[in-house]
């Protein structure tokens, strides 16, 4: 009996010891997990701070590199500008490309700018920089199926020209004898001022012009072939000065343009003016030696 009682007591002690050991192990595991979590959080926070510091350092380094590049590019542009003043097409092309890059344009746009500058400089050297081009005489005529008075009156309505002529942008008549013109030349625009020297109603108009890119002096006369048929004779003296003007003068582009604009004028008279002649009020004053001598 005593032996059984002792064995039971020893079994109970061993079971209690095992439960105590299990509780200690679980507690140790929990403490270890908590410590690991804290340590991981600390490591993660440190890594994030290090990453932010790295990014800031990278941005500062990139900013310094870009600033150094911009300063160097600016110095290069100034140097090229000084050297290209009397240099050839390649130097002008390099300057145009550097300026484009300095303005923030893409390398492709900078390359196009350089190519255009080289072409423009080459053409300028071929055609003579700043010197007037060869005098070109343009003579064109067109017959209009309308009375001479109506044709003359429509011709003197200069401010109507942009409505039916393709290349005339605007005409501002500052006075009876002074007109300011703007027209398209290729992809560009040109402005000039013309002064009427002589104007006799139904007979002729003579003018002189001045502009920075060349000049056009001319005479237009009106000839009655029949009561309802009028011949318009236009004689121009054209001296080109700009690059586009000199280039176009090589293949007589101006003569073709004048011929086309005369056709536009005839079309306008035949389809518009002829159908409402009473509404076409031209200027029928007289000008001699650049002065208005009679007003309508």
C-alpha atoms as a PDB file:
ATOM      1  CA  UNK A   1       0.000   0.000   0.000  1.00  0.00           C
ATOM      2  CA  UNK A   2       2.817   2.335   0.922  1.00  0.00           C
ATOM      3  CA  UNK A   3       4.604   1.434  -2.320  1.00  0.00           C
ATOM      4  CA  UNK A   4       1.569   2.328  -4.438  1.00  0.00           C
ATOM      5  CA  UNK A   5       1.156   5.616  -2.621  1.00  0.00           C
ATOM      6  CA  UNK A   6       4.819   6.588  -3.251  1.00  0.00           C
ATOM      7  CA  UNK A   7       4.621   5.706  -6.959  1.00  0.00           C
ATOM      8  CA  UNK A   8       1.518   7.857  -7.408  1.00  0.00           C
ATOM      9  CA  UNK A   9       3.179  10.784  -5.686  1.00  0.00           C
ATOM     10  CA  UNK A  10       6.209  10.512  -7.911  1.00  0.00           C
ATOM     11  CA  UNK A  11       4.012  10.421 -11.072  1.00  0.00           C
ATOM     12  CA  UNK A  12       2.149  13.530  -9.961  1.00  0.00           C
ATOM     13  CA  UNK A  13       5.405  15.379  -9.347  1.00  0.00           C
ATOM     14  CA  UNK A  14       6.701  14.447 -12.795  1.00  0.00           C
ATOM     15  CA  UNK A  15       3.474  15.649 -14.493  1.00  0.00           C
ATOM     16  CA  UNK A  16       3.604  18.932 -12.584  1.00  0.00           C
ATOM     17  CA  UNK A  17       7.236  19.422 -13.625  1.00  0.00           C
ATOM     18  CA  UNK A  18       6.370  18.814 -17.254  1.00  0.00           C
ATOM     19  CA  UNK A  19       3.513  21.392 -17.170  1.00  0.00           C
ATOM     20  CA  UNK A  20       5.802  23.941 -15.531  1.00  0.00           C
ATOM     21  CA  UNK A  21       8.470  23.367 -18.149  1.00  0.00           C
ATOM     22  CA  UNK A  22       5.881  23.768 -20.940  1.00  0.00           C
ATOM     23  CA  UNK A  23       4.667  27.057 -19.520  1.00  0.00           C
ATOM     24  CA  UNK A  24       8.244  28.322 -19.291  1.00  0.00           C
ATOM     25  CA  UNK A  25       8.949  27.299 -22.894  1.00  0.00           C
ATOM     26  CA  UNK A  26       5.795  29.059 -24.187  1.00  0.00           C
ATOM     27  CA  UNK A  27       6.667  32.196 -22.246  1.00  0.00           C
ATOM     28  CA  UNK A  28      10.183  32.123 -23.650  1.00  0.00           C
ATOM     29  CA  UNK A  29       8.833  31.703 -27.163  1.00  0.00           C
ATOM     30  CA  UNK A  30       6.481  34.663 -26.753  1.00  0.00           C
ATOM     31  CA  UNK A  31       9.237  36.837 -25.356  1.00  0.00           C
ATOM     32  CA  UNK A  32      11.521  35.836 -28.224  1.00  0.00           C
ATOM     33  CA  UNK A  33       8.850  36.617 -30.826  1.00  0.00           C
ATOM     34  CA  UNK A  34       8.188  40.007 -29.299  1.00  0.00           C
ATOM     35  CA  UNK A  35      11.887  40.773 -29.219  1.00  0.00           C
ATOM     36  CA  UNK A  36      12.210  39.696 -32.863  1.00  0.00           C
ATOM     37  CA  UNK A  37       9.324  41.937 -33.888  1.00  0.00           C
ATOM     38  CA  UNK A  38      10.833  44.921 -32.136  1.00  0.00           C
ATOM     39  CA  UNK A  39      14.218  44.228 -33.650  1.00  0.00           C
ATOM     40  CA  UNK A  40      12.698  43.824 -37.138  1.00  0.00           C
ATOM     41  CA  UNK A  41      10.804  47.067 -36.808  1.00  0.00           C
ATOM     42  CA  UNK A  42      13.974  48.807 -35.731  1.00  0.00           C
ATOM     43  CA  UNK A  43      15.863  47.366 -38.679  1.00  0.00           C
ATOM     44  CA  UNK A  44      13.044  48.338 -41.103  1.00  0.00           C
ATOM     45  CA  UNK A  45      12.935  51.914 -39.799  1.00  0.00           C
ATOM     46  CA  UNK A  46      16.666  52.179 -40.153  1.00  0.00           C
ATOM     47  CA  UNK A  47      16.517  50.849 -43.728  1.00  0.00           C
ATOM     48  CA  UNK A  48      13.784  53.368 -44.725  1.00  0.00           C
ATOM     49  CA  UNK A  49      15.774  56.239 -43.273  1.00  0.00           C
ATOM     50  CA  UNK A  50      18.869  55.042 -45.092  1.00  0.00           C
ATOM     51  CA  UNK A  51      16.914  54.786 -48.373  1.00  0.00           C
ATOM     52  CA  UNK A  52      15.575  58.328 -47.986  1.00  0.00           C
ATOM     53  CA  UNK A  53      19.026  59.625 -47.254  1.00  0.00           C
ATOM     54  CA  UNK A  54      20.353  57.838 -50.325  1.00  0.00           C
ATOM     55  CA  UNK A  55      17.651  59.335 -52.540  1.00  0.00           C
ATOM     56  CA  UNK A  56      18.311  62.850 -51.218  1.00  0.00           C
ATOM     57  CA  UNK A  57      22.011  62.414 -51.815  1.00  0.00           C
ATOM     58  CA  UNK A  58      21.278  61.158 -55.336  1.00  0.00           C
ATOM     59  CA  UNK A  59      19.086  64.160 -56.113  1.00  0.00           C
ATOM     60  CA  UNK A  60      21.702  66.567 -54.829  1.00  0.00           C
ATOM     61  CA  UNK A  61      24.363  64.857 -56.914  1.00  0.00           C
ATOM     62  CA  UNK A  62      22.147  64.913 -60.010  1.00  0.00           C
ATOM     63  CA  UNK A  63      21.360  68.607 -59.470  1.00  0.00           C
ATOM     64  CA  UNK A  64      25.049  69.435 -59.208  1.00  0.00           C
ATOM     65  CA  UNK A  65      25.808  67.486 -62.393  1.00  0.00           C
ATOM     66  CA  UNK A  66      22.996  69.216 -64.298  1.00  0.00           C
ATOM     67  CA  UNK A  67      24.056  72.664 -63.044  1.00  0.00           C
ATOM     68  CA  UNK A  68      27.650  71.959 -64.080  1.00  0.00           C
ATOM     69  CA  UNK A  69      26.452  70.808 -67.501  1.00  0.00           C
ATOM     70  CA  UNK A  70      24.283  73.918 -67.957  1.00  0.00           C
ATOM     71  CA  UNK A  71      27.166  76.213 -67.025  1.00  0.00           C
ATOM     72  CA  UNK A  72      29.452  74.420 -69.423  1.00  0.00           C
ATOM     73  CA  UNK A  73      26.822  74.544 -72.179  1.00  0.00           C
ATOM     74  CA  UNK A  74      26.291  78.268 -71.576  1.00  0.00           C
ATOM     75  CA  UNK A  75      30.018  78.926 -71.881  1.00  0.00           C
ATOM     76  CA  UNK A  76      30.092  76.872 -75.065  1.00  0.00           C
ATOM     77  CA  UNK A  77      27.218  78.875 -76.557  1.00  0.00           C
ATOM     78  CA  UNK A  78      28.938  82.188 -75.783  1.00  0.00           C
ATOM     79  CA  UNK A  79      32.204  80.933 -77.254  1.00  0.00           C
ATOM     80  CA  UNK A  80      30.535  79.631 -80.403  1.00  0.00           C
ATOM     81  CA  UNK A  81      28.600  82.881 -80.789  1.00  0.00           C
ATOM     82  CA  UNK A  82      31.831  84.842 -80.725  1.00  0.00           C
ATOM     83  CA  UNK A  83      33.568  82.473 -83.133  1.00  0.00           C
ATOM     84  CA  UNK A  84      30.622  82.123 -85.515  1.00  0.00           C
ATOM     85  CA  UNK A  85      30.345  85.854 -86.149  1.00  0.00           C
ATOM     86  CA  UNK A  86      32.602  85.516 -89.198  1.00  0.00           C
ATOM     87  CA  UNK A  87      32.750  81.725 -89.451  1.00  0.00           C
ATOM     88  CA  UNK A  88      31.376  79.291 -91.988  1.00  0.00           C
ATOM     89  CA  UNK A  89      28.254  77.138 -92.182  1.00  0.00           C
ATOM     90  CA  UNK A  90      29.578  74.425 -89.830  1.00  0.00           C
ATOM     91  CA  UNK A  91      30.252  76.900 -87.028  1.00  0.00           C
ATOM     92  CA  UNK A  92      26.807  78.466 -87.500  1.00  0.00           C
ATOM     93  CA  UNK A  93      25.267  74.995 -87.410  1.00  0.00           C
ATOM     94  CA  UNK A  94      27.108  74.120 -84.186  1.00  0.00           C
ATOM     95  CA  UNK A  95      25.954  77.378 -82.624  1.00  0.00           C
ATOM     96  CA  UNK A  96      22.318  76.749 -83.605  1.00  0.00           C
ATOM     97  CA  UNK A  97      22.436  73.229 -82.166  1.00  0.00           C
ATOM     98  CA  UNK A  98      24.027  74.390 -78.908  1.00  0.00           C
ATOM     99  CA  UNK A  99      21.456  77.158 -78.515  1.00  0.00           C
ATOM    100  CA  UNK A 100      18.643  74.671 -79.068  1.00  0.00           C
ATOM    101  CA  UNK A 101      20.015  72.371 -76.377  1.00  0.00           C
ATOM    102  CA  UNK A 102      20.521  75.311 -74.050  1.00  0.00           C
ATOM    103  CA  UNK A 103      16.857  76.254 -74.577  1.00  0.00           C
ATOM    104  CA  UNK A 104      15.791  72.797 -73.429  1.00  0.00           C
ATOM    105  CA  UNK A 105      14.971  71.302 -76.826  1.00  0.00           C
ATOM    106  CA  UNK A 106      15.489  67.628 -77.559  1.00  0.00           C
ATOM    107  CA  UNK A 107      18.638  66.402 -79.356  1.00  0.00           C
ATOM    108  CA  UNK A 108      16.530  65.710 -82.455  1.00  0.00           C
ATOM    109  CA  UNK A 109      15.212  69.277 -82.547  1.00  0.00           C
ATOM    110  CA  UNK A 110      18.722  70.582 -81.942  1.00  0.00           C
ATOM    111  CA  UNK A 111      19.995  68.554 -84.905  1.00  0.00           C
ATOM    112  CA  UNK A 112      17.270  69.986 -87.142  1.00  0.00           C
ATOM    113  CA  UNK A 113      18.146  73.515 -86.022  1.00  0.00           C
ATOM    114  CA  UNK A 114      21.795  72.879 -86.826  1.00  0.00           C
ATOM    115  CA  UNK A 115      20.976  71.523 -90.292  1.00  0.00           C
ATOM    116  CA  UNK A 116      18.715  74.457 -91.125  1.00  0.00           C
ATOM    117  CA  UNK A 117      21.342  76.960 -89.973  1.00  0.00           C
ATOM    118  CA  UNK A 118      23.985  75.292 -92.146  1.00  0.00           C
ATOM    119  CA  UNK A 119      21.693  75.320 -95.204  1.00  0.00           C
ATOM    120  CA  UNK A 120      20.691  78.952 -94.662  1.00  0.00           C
ATOM    121  CA  UNK A 121      24.304  80.075 -94.281  1.00  0.00           C
ATOM    122  CA  UNK A 122      25.346  78.171 -97.402  1.00  0.00           C
ATOM    123  CA  UNK A 123      22.568  79.741 -99.487  1.00  0.00           C
ATOM    124  CA  UNK A 124      23.370  83.185 -98.089  1.00  0.00           C
ATOM    125  CA  UNK A 125      26.974  82.807 -99.210  1.00  0.00           C
ATOM    126  CA  UNK A 126      25.903  81.623-102.655  1.00  0.00           C
ATOM    127  CA  UNK A 127      23.455  84.467-103.262  1.00  0.00           C
ATOM    128  CA  UNK A 128      25.381  87.258-101.549  1.00  0.00           C
ATOM    129  CA  UNK A 129      24.721  88.347 -97.999  1.00  0.00           C
ATOM    130  CA  UNK A 130      23.005  91.719 -97.626  1.00  0.00           C
ATOM    131  CA  UNK A 131      23.407  92.660-101.281  1.00  0.00           C
ATOM    132  CA  UNK A 132      20.348  93.288-103.460  1.00  0.00           C
ATOM    133  CA  UNK A 133      19.659  90.559-105.978  1.00  0.00           C
ATOM    134  CA  UNK A 134      19.583  90.941-109.713  1.00  0.00           C
ATOM    135  CA  UNK A 135      16.847  93.203-111.014  1.00  0.00           C
ATOM    136  CA  UNK A 136      14.012  91.163-112.468  1.00  0.00           C
ATOM    137  CA  UNK A 137      11.416  92.574-114.846  1.00  0.00           C
ATOM    138  CA  UNK A 138       8.017  90.889-114.786  1.00  0.00           C
ATOM    139  CA  UNK A 139       5.500  91.627-117.550  1.00  0.00           C
ATOM    140  CA  UNK A 140       2.063  90.011-117.373  1.00  0.00           C
ATOM    141  CA  UNK A 141      -1.307  90.770-118.936  1.00  0.00           C
ATOM    142  CA  UNK A 142      -4.808  89.391-118.634  1.00  0.00           C
ATOM    143  CA  UNK A 143      -8.095  90.083-120.387  1.00  0.00           C
ATOM    144  CA  UNK A 144     -11.158  90.569-118.215  1.00  0.00           C
ATOM    145  CA  UNK A 145     -14.691  90.325-119.612  1.00  0.00           C
ATOM    146  CA  UNK A 146     -15.987  93.495-117.977  1.00  0.00           C
ATOM    147  CA  UNK A 147     -16.120  97.257-118.727  1.00  0.00           C
ATOM    148  CA  UNK A 148     -12.901  99.171-118.119  1.00  0.00           C
ATOM    149  CA  UNK A 149     -14.447 101.421-115.460  1.00  0.00           C
ATOM    150  CA  UNK A 150     -15.570  98.421-113.406  1.00  0.00           C
ATOM    151  CA  UNK A 151     -12.192  96.704-113.730  1.00  0.00           C
ATOM    152  CA  UNK A 152     -10.365  99.867-112.692  1.00  0.00           C
ATOM    153  CA  UNK A 153     -12.679 100.502-109.730  1.00  0.00           C
ATOM    154  CA  UNK A 154     -12.199  96.941-108.448  1.00  0.00           C
ATOM    155  CA  UNK A 155      -8.433  97.232-108.808  1.00  0.00           C
ATOM    156  CA  UNK A 156      -8.340 100.347-106.630  1.00  0.00           C
ATOM    157  CA  UNK A 157     -10.175  98.553-103.799  1.00  0.00           C
ATOM    158  CA  UNK A 158      -6.849  97.346-102.385  1.00  0.00           C
ATOM    159  CA  UNK A 159      -8.288  96.278 -99.055  1.00  0.00           C
ATOM    160  CA  UNK A 160     -10.384  93.640-100.867  1.00  0.00           C
ATOM    161  CA  UNK A 161      -7.261  91.838-102.107  1.00  0.00           C
ATOM    162  CA  UNK A 162      -6.856  89.432 -99.144  1.00  0.00           C
ATOM    163  CA  UNK A 163     -10.361  88.074 -99.822  1.00  0.00           C
ATOM    164  CA  UNK A 164      -9.461  86.669-103.245  1.00  0.00           C
ATOM    165  CA  UNK A 165      -5.645  86.688-103.595  1.00  0.00           C
ATOM    166  CA  UNK A 166      -3.855  83.702-102.091  1.00  0.00           C
ATOM    167  CA  UNK A 167      -0.651  85.281-100.814  1.00  0.00           C
ATOM    168  CA  UNK A 168      -1.847  88.738 -99.764  1.00  0.00           C
ATOM    169  CA  UNK A 169      -2.451  88.712 -96.006  1.00  0.00           C
ATOM    170  CA  UNK A 170      -3.501  92.319 -95.436  1.00  0.00           C
ATOM    171  CA  UNK A 171      -3.524  95.765 -97.044  1.00  0.00           C
ATOM    172  CA  UNK A 172      -3.765  98.879 -94.915  1.00  0.00           C
ATOM    173  CA  UNK A 173      -4.358 102.100 -96.832  1.00  0.00           C
ATOM    174  CA  UNK A 174      -2.790 104.766 -94.635  1.00  0.00           C
ATOM    175  CA  UNK A 175      -3.752 107.534 -97.080  1.00  0.00           C
ATOM    176  CA  UNK A 176      -4.838 107.931-100.687  1.00  0.00           C
ATOM    177  CA  UNK A 177      -1.255 107.473-101.892  1.00  0.00           C
ATOM    178  CA  UNK A 178       0.289 105.311 -99.112  1.00  0.00           C
ATOM    179  CA  UNK A 179      -0.371 101.590 -98.586  1.00  0.00           C
ATOM    180  CA  UNK A 180       1.088  99.042 -96.173  1.00  0.00           C
ATOM    181  CA  UNK A 181       1.183  95.452 -97.419  1.00  0.00           C
ATOM    182  CA  UNK A 182       1.735  92.062 -95.818  1.00  0.00           C
ATOM    183  CA  UNK A 183       2.097  88.891 -97.883  1.00  0.00           C
ATOM    184  CA  UNK A 184       3.310  85.322 -97.538  1.00  0.00           C
ATOM    185  CA  UNK A 185       6.685  84.357 -99.007  1.00  0.00           C
ATOM    186  CA  UNK A 186       7.124  80.581 -98.764  1.00  0.00           C
ATOM    187  CA  UNK A 187       6.785  79.815 -95.023  1.00  0.00           C
ATOM    188  CA  UNK A 188       7.509  83.366 -93.942  1.00  0.00           C
ATOM    189  CA  UNK A 189       5.781  86.750 -94.192  1.00  0.00           C
ATOM    190  CA  UNK A 190       6.977  90.029 -95.640  1.00  0.00           C
ATOM    191  CA  UNK A 191       5.768  93.593 -95.150  1.00  0.00           C
ATOM    192  CA  UNK A 192       6.417  96.632 -97.297  1.00  0.00           C
ATOM    193  CA  UNK A 193       5.108 100.110 -98.006  1.00  0.00           C
ATOM    194  CA  UNK A 194       4.124 101.358-101.427  1.00  0.00           C
ATOM    195  CA  UNK A 195       3.658 104.948-102.530  1.00  0.00           C
ATOM    196  CA  UNK A 196       1.537 105.800-105.552  1.00  0.00           C
ATOM    197  CA  UNK A 197       3.441 108.239-107.772  1.00  0.00           C
ATOM    198  CA  UNK A 198       0.812 108.693-110.444  1.00  0.00           C
ATOM    199  CA  UNK A 199      -2.793 107.587-110.752  1.00  0.00           C
ATOM    200  CA  UNK A 200      -5.149 108.536-113.569  1.00  0.00           C
ATOM    201  CA  UNK A 201      -8.637 107.008-113.419  1.00  0.00           C
ATOM    202  CA  UNK A 202      -9.314 104.263-115.995  1.00  0.00           C
ATOM    203  CA  UNK A 203      -5.798 104.685-117.406  1.00  0.00           C
ATOM    204  CA  UNK A 204      -2.909 103.664-115.163  1.00  0.00           C
ATOM    205  CA  UNK A 205      -1.375 103.563-111.674  1.00  0.00           C
ATOM    206  CA  UNK A 206       2.374 103.926-111.032  1.00  0.00           C
ATOM    207  CA  UNK A 207       3.952 103.167-107.665  1.00  0.00           C
ATOM    208  CA  UNK A 208       7.242 102.746-105.822  1.00  0.00           C
ATOM    209  CA  UNK A 209       7.854 100.604-102.775  1.00  0.00           C
ATOM    210  CA  UNK A 210      10.384 100.131 -99.988  1.00  0.00           C
ATOM    211  CA  UNK A 211      11.081  97.201 -97.654  1.00  0.00           C
ATOM    212  CA  UNK A 212      13.944  95.538 -95.841  1.00  0.00           C
ATOM    213  CA  UNK A 213      13.705  92.376 -97.976  1.00  0.00           C
ATOM    214  CA  UNK A 214      13.695  93.964-101.428  1.00  0.00           C
ATOM    215  CA  UNK A 215      11.379  96.210-103.368  1.00  0.00           C
ATOM    216  CA  UNK A 216       8.804  96.065-106.137  1.00  0.00           C
ATOM    217  CA  UNK A 217       8.132  99.066-108.353  1.00  0.00           C
ATOM    218  CA  UNK A 218       5.514  98.866-111.037  1.00  0.00           C
ATOM    219  CA  UNK A 219       2.827 100.167-113.331  1.00  0.00           C
ATOM    220  CA  UNK A 220      -0.586  98.767-114.131  1.00  0.00           C
ATOM    221  CA  UNK A 221      -2.583 100.062-117.086  1.00  0.00           C
ATOM    222  CA  UNK A 222      -6.131  99.421-118.285  1.00  0.00           C
ATOM    223  CA  UNK A 223      -6.954  99.096-121.994  1.00  0.00           C
ATOM    224  CA  UNK A 224     -10.444  98.868-123.439  1.00  0.00           C
ATOM    225  CA  UNK A 225     -10.554  96.197-126.144  1.00  0.00           C
ATOM    226  CA  UNK A 226     -14.354  96.248-126.390  1.00  0.00           C
ATOM    227  CA  UNK A 227     -17.177  97.729-124.316  1.00  0.00           C
ATOM    228  CA  UNK A 228     -17.192  94.618-122.130  1.00  0.00           C
ATOM    229  CA  UNK A 229     -13.583  93.513-122.520  1.00  0.00           C
ATOM    230  CA  UNK A 230     -10.612  95.113-120.726  1.00  0.00           C
ATOM    231  CA  UNK A 231      -6.931  94.213-120.858  1.00  0.00           C
ATOM    232  CA  UNK A 232      -4.908  94.683-117.684  1.00  0.00           C
ATOM    233  CA  UNK A 233      -1.189  95.116-118.352  1.00  0.00           C
ATOM    234  CA  UNK A 234       1.134  94.814-115.360  1.00  0.00           C
ATOM    235  CA  UNK A 235       4.859  95.659-115.457  1.00  0.00           C
ATOM    236  CA  UNK A 236       6.967  95.105-112.337  1.00  0.00           C
ATOM    237  CA  UNK A 237      10.611  95.764-111.490  1.00  0.00           C
ATOM    238  CA  UNK A 238      11.556  93.399-108.703  1.00  0.00           C
ATOM    239  CA  UNK A 239      14.845  93.500-106.821  1.00  0.00           C
ATOM    240  CA  UNK A 240      15.045  90.700-104.205  1.00  0.00           C
ATOM    241  CA  UNK A 241      17.122  91.017-101.060  1.00  0.00           C
ATOM    242  CA  UNK A 242      16.129  88.275 -98.590  1.00  0.00           C
ATOM    243  CA  UNK A 243      17.169  84.615 -98.746  1.00  0.00           C
ATOM    244  CA  UNK A 244      13.734  83.313 -99.734  1.00  0.00           C
ATOM    245  CA  UNK A 245      13.337  86.040-102.335  1.00  0.00           C
ATOM    246  CA  UNK A 246      16.712  85.346-103.953  1.00  0.00           C
ATOM    247  CA  UNK A 247      16.104  81.613-103.915  1.00  0.00           C
ATOM    248  CA  UNK A 248      12.669  81.982-105.522  1.00  0.00           C
ATOM    249  CA  UNK A 249      14.098  84.340-108.114  1.00  0.00           C
ATOM    250  CA  UNK A 250      16.254  81.517-109.498  1.00  0.00           C
ATOM    251  CA  UNK A 251      13.256  79.780-111.052  1.00  0.00           C
ATOM    252  CA  UNK A 252      11.092  82.852-111.650  1.00  0.00           C
ATOM    253  CA  UNK A 253       8.688  82.006-108.848  1.00  0.00           C
ATOM    254  CA  UNK A 254       7.608  85.641-108.562  1.00  0.00           C
ATOM    255  CA  UNK A 255       6.498  85.787-112.189  1.00  0.00           C
ATOM    256  CA  UNK A 256       4.339  82.704-111.762  1.00  0.00           C
ATOM    257  CA  UNK A 257       2.867  84.130-108.566  1.00  0.00           C
ATOM    258  CA  UNK A 258       1.939  87.414-110.299  1.00  0.00           C
ATOM    259  CA  UNK A 259       0.307  85.470-113.146  1.00  0.00           C
ATOM    260  CA  UNK A 260      -1.714  83.405-110.688  1.00  0.00           C
ATOM    261  CA  UNK A 261      -2.844  86.441-108.685  1.00  0.00           C
ATOM    262  CA  UNK A 262      -4.020  88.139-111.888  1.00  0.00           C
ATOM    263  CA  UNK A 263      -6.165  85.080-112.592  1.00  0.00           C
ATOM    264  CA  UNK A 264      -7.626  85.369-109.105  1.00  0.00           C
ATOM    265  CA  UNK A 265      -8.397  89.023-109.813  1.00  0.00           C
ATOM    266  CA  UNK A 266     -10.184  88.142-113.064  1.00  0.00           C
ATOM    267  CA  UNK A 267     -12.174  85.408-111.365  1.00  0.00           C
ATOM    268  CA  UNK A 268     -13.268  87.835-108.645  1.00  0.00           C
ATOM    269  CA  UNK A 269     -14.365  90.481-111.166  1.00  0.00           C
ATOM    270  CA  UNK A 270     -16.249  87.980-113.337  1.00  0.00           C
ATOM    271  CA  UNK A 271     -18.007  86.176-110.488  1.00  0.00           C
ATOM    272  CA  UNK A 272     -18.502  88.947-107.915  1.00  0.00           C
ATOM    273  CA  UNK A 273     -18.013  92.490-109.230  1.00  0.00           C
ATOM    274  CA  UNK A 274     -19.822  91.927-112.519  1.00  0.00           C
ATOM    275  CA  UNK A 275     -22.959  90.729-110.739  1.00  0.00           C
ATOM    276  CA  UNK A 276     -23.233  93.848-108.552  1.00  0.00           C
ATOM    277  CA  UNK A 277     -21.442  96.699-110.367  1.00  0.00           C
ATOM    278  CA  UNK A 278     -23.359  99.419-108.519  1.00  0.00           C
ATOM    279  CA  UNK A 279     -21.746  98.314-105.231  1.00  0.00           C
ATOM    280  CA  UNK A 280     -18.171  98.573-106.535  1.00  0.00           C
ATOM    281  CA  UNK A 281     -16.993 102.059-105.626  1.00  0.00           C
ATOM    282  CA  UNK A 282     -13.369 102.570-106.492  1.00  0.00           C
ATOM    283  CA  UNK A 283     -11.163 105.566-105.740  1.00  0.00           C
ATOM    284  CA  UNK A 284     -11.329 107.893-108.726  1.00  0.00           C
ATOM    285  CA  UNK A 285      -9.061 110.669-107.556  1.00  0.00           C
ATOM    286  CA  UNK A 286      -5.952 111.799-109.421  1.00  0.00           C
ATOM    287  CA  UNK A 287      -2.355 111.660-108.173  1.00  0.00           C
ATOM    288  CA  UNK A 288       0.653 113.284-109.825  1.00  0.00           C
ATOM    289  CA  UNK A 289       4.240 113.330-108.565  1.00  0.00           C
ATOM    290  CA  UNK A 290       3.128 111.561-105.410  1.00  0.00           C
ATOM    291  CA  UNK A 291       0.560 114.227-104.506  1.00  0.00           C
ATOM    292  CA  UNK A 292      -3.212 114.050-104.646  1.00  0.00           C
ATOM    293  CA  UNK A 293      -4.335 116.744-107.085  1.00  0.00           C
ATOM    294  CA  UNK A 294      -8.025 115.871-107.308  1.00  0.00           C
ATOM    295  CA  UNK A 295     -10.250 113.882-104.959  1.00  0.00           C
ATOM    296  CA  UNK A 296     -13.521 112.180-105.899  1.00  0.00           C
END
